[in-house]
Amino acid sequence: MPDPKHAVEKAKACDIEGCKEEAERSVAGKKVEKAGMSLATDPAKNAHLCRTHYREFKKKTKKDRTLDRLGW
């Protein structure tokens, strides 16, 4: 019987419409939609993003993240 702590997680696909790559990161779905990216899943849940789309998300939200750090 496998140990539940060491269970291998099933690889998930990227949640961006039309993308079939394997997801590497998970971020809030509402933040992804606010950044102007279209999701194939419910935005109320976390969105799984592949490396390419995560980098795009980071670039689109850079100004917002900077303002959040400054305390505006």
C-alpha atoms as a PDB file:
ATOM      1  CA  MET A   1       0.000   0.000   0.000  1.00  0.00           C
ATOM      2  CA  PRO A   2       1.583   3.347  -1.062  1.00  0.00           C
ATOM      3  CA  ASP A   3       2.239   5.994   1.542  1.00  0.00           C
ATOM      4  CA  PRO A   4      -0.252   8.912   1.064  1.00  0.00           C
ATOM      5  CA  LYS A   5       2.437  11.442   1.971  1.00  0.00           C
ATOM      6  CA  HIS A   6       4.523  10.353  -0.986  1.00  0.00           C
ATOM      7  CA  ALA A   7       1.770   9.828  -3.539  1.00  0.00           C
ATOM      8  CA  VAL A   8       2.705  10.961  -7.021  1.00  0.00           C
ATOM      9  CA  GLU A   9       0.449  13.780  -8.127  1.00  0.00           C
ATOM     10  CA  LYS A  10      -1.139  13.447 -11.551  1.00  0.00           C
ATOM     11  CA  ALA A  11       0.281  15.926 -14.057  1.00  0.00           C
ATOM     12  CA  LYS A  12      -2.218  18.684 -14.852  1.00  0.00           C
ATOM     13  CA  ALA A  13      -2.583  20.576 -18.088  1.00  0.00           C
ATOM     14  CA  CYS A  14      -2.410  24.359 -18.322  1.00  0.00           C
ATOM     15  CA  ASP A  15      -5.826  26.005 -17.762  1.00  0.00           C
ATOM     16  CA  ILE A  16      -5.394  28.673 -20.457  1.00  0.00           C
ATOM     17  CA  GLU A  17      -7.708  28.117 -23.432  1.00  0.00           C
ATOM     18  CA  GLY A  18      -5.983  26.215 -26.219  1.00  0.00           C
ATOM     19  CA  CYS A  19      -2.840  25.298 -24.243  1.00  0.00           C
ATOM     20  CA  LYS A  20      -1.945  21.628 -23.790  1.00  0.00           C
ATOM     21  CA  GLU A  21       1.366  22.017 -21.927  1.00  0.00           C
ATOM     22  CA  GLU A  22       1.938  20.593 -18.451  1.00  0.00           C
ATOM     23  CA  ALA A  23       1.183  23.033 -15.624  1.00  0.00           C
ATOM     24  CA  GLU A  24       4.015  24.048 -13.290  1.00  0.00           C
ATOM     25  CA  ARG A  25       2.433  26.788 -11.146  1.00  0.00           C
ATOM     26  CA  SER A  26      -0.930  27.528  -9.596  1.00  0.00           C
ATOM     27  CA  VAL A  27      -2.286  31.062  -9.075  1.00  0.00           C
ATOM     28  CA  ALA A  28      -5.672  32.583  -8.237  1.00  0.00           C
ATOM     29  CA  GLY A  29      -8.024  32.328 -11.215  1.00  0.00           C
ATOM     30  CA  LYS A  30      -9.482  35.794 -10.663  1.00  0.00           C
ATOM     31  CA  LYS A  31      -6.006  37.352 -10.875  1.00  0.00           C
ATOM     32  CA  VAL A  32      -5.361  35.529 -14.154  1.00  0.00           C
ATOM     33  CA  GLU A  33      -8.621  36.820 -15.657  1.00  0.00           C
ATOM     34  CA  LYS A  34      -7.908  40.338 -14.354  1.00  0.00           C
ATOM     35  CA  ALA A  35      -4.580  40.184 -16.214  1.00  0.00           C
ATOM     36  CA  GLY A  36      -6.521  39.657 -19.449  1.00  0.00           C
ATOM     37  CA  MET A  37      -5.817  35.971 -19.966  1.00  0.00           C
ATOM     38  CA  SER A  38      -8.718  33.663 -20.877  1.00  0.00           C
ATOM     39  CA  LEU A  39      -9.231  30.569 -18.735  1.00  0.00           C
ATOM     40  CA  ALA A  40     -10.831  27.318 -19.847  1.00  0.00           C
ATOM     41  CA  THR A  41     -11.900  26.583 -16.228  1.00  0.00           C
ATOM     42  CA  ASP A  42     -13.842  28.333 -13.462  1.00  0.00           C
ATOM     43  CA  PRO A  43     -12.026  31.558 -12.426  1.00  0.00           C
ATOM     44  CA  ALA A  44     -13.218  31.151  -8.818  1.00  0.00           C
ATOM     45  CA  LYS A  45     -10.699  28.312  -8.404  1.00  0.00           C
ATOM     46  CA  ASN A  46      -6.932  28.324  -8.716  1.00  0.00           C
ATOM     47  CA  ALA A  47      -5.633  28.320 -12.278  1.00  0.00           C
ATOM     48  CA  HIS A  48      -2.805  25.990 -13.237  1.00  0.00           C
ATOM     49  CA  LEU A  49      -0.335  27.620 -15.619  1.00  0.00           C
ATOM     50  CA  CYS A  50       2.480  26.237 -17.724  1.00  0.00           C
ATOM     51  CA  ARG A  51       5.876  27.915 -17.650  1.00  0.00           C
ATOM     52  CA  THR A  52       5.150  30.076 -20.713  1.00  0.00           C
ATOM     53  CA  HIS A  53       1.815  31.383 -19.460  1.00  0.00           C
ATOM     54  CA  TYR A  54       3.145  31.915 -15.925  1.00  0.00           C
ATOM     55  CA  ARG A  55       5.903  34.150 -17.314  1.00  0.00           C
ATOM     56  CA  GLU A  56       3.296  36.054 -19.358  1.00  0.00           C
ATOM     57  CA  PHE A  57       1.139  36.428 -16.216  1.00  0.00           C
ATOM     58  CA  LYS A  58       4.105  37.773 -14.243  1.00  0.00           C
ATOM     59  CA  LYS A  59       4.894  40.340 -16.938  1.00  0.00           C
ATOM     60  CA  LYS A  60       1.273  41.533 -17.138  1.00  0.00           C
ATOM     61  CA  THR A  61       0.945  41.902 -13.353  1.00  0.00           C
ATOM     62  CA  LYS A  62       4.353  43.409 -12.612  1.00  0.00           C
ATOM     63  CA  LYS A  63       3.040  46.947 -12.032  1.00  0.00           C
ATOM     64  CA  ASP A  64       0.248  45.720  -9.718  1.00  0.00           C
ATOM     65  CA  ARG A  65       2.645  43.579  -7.686  1.00  0.00           C
ATOM     66  CA  THR A  66       5.069  46.514  -7.334  1.00  0.00           C
ATOM     67  CA  LEU A  67       2.293  48.789  -6.057  1.00  0.00           C
ATOM     68  CA  ASP A  68       1.165  46.093  -3.596  1.00  0.00           C
ATOM     69  CA  ARG A  69       4.684  45.876  -2.163  1.00  0.00           C
ATOM     70  CA  LEU A  70       4.852  49.656  -1.751  1.00  0.00           C
ATOM     71  CA  GLY A  71       1.630  49.679   0.236  1.00  0.00           C
ATOM     72  CA  TRP A  72      -0.475  51.840  -2.047  1.00  0.00           C
END
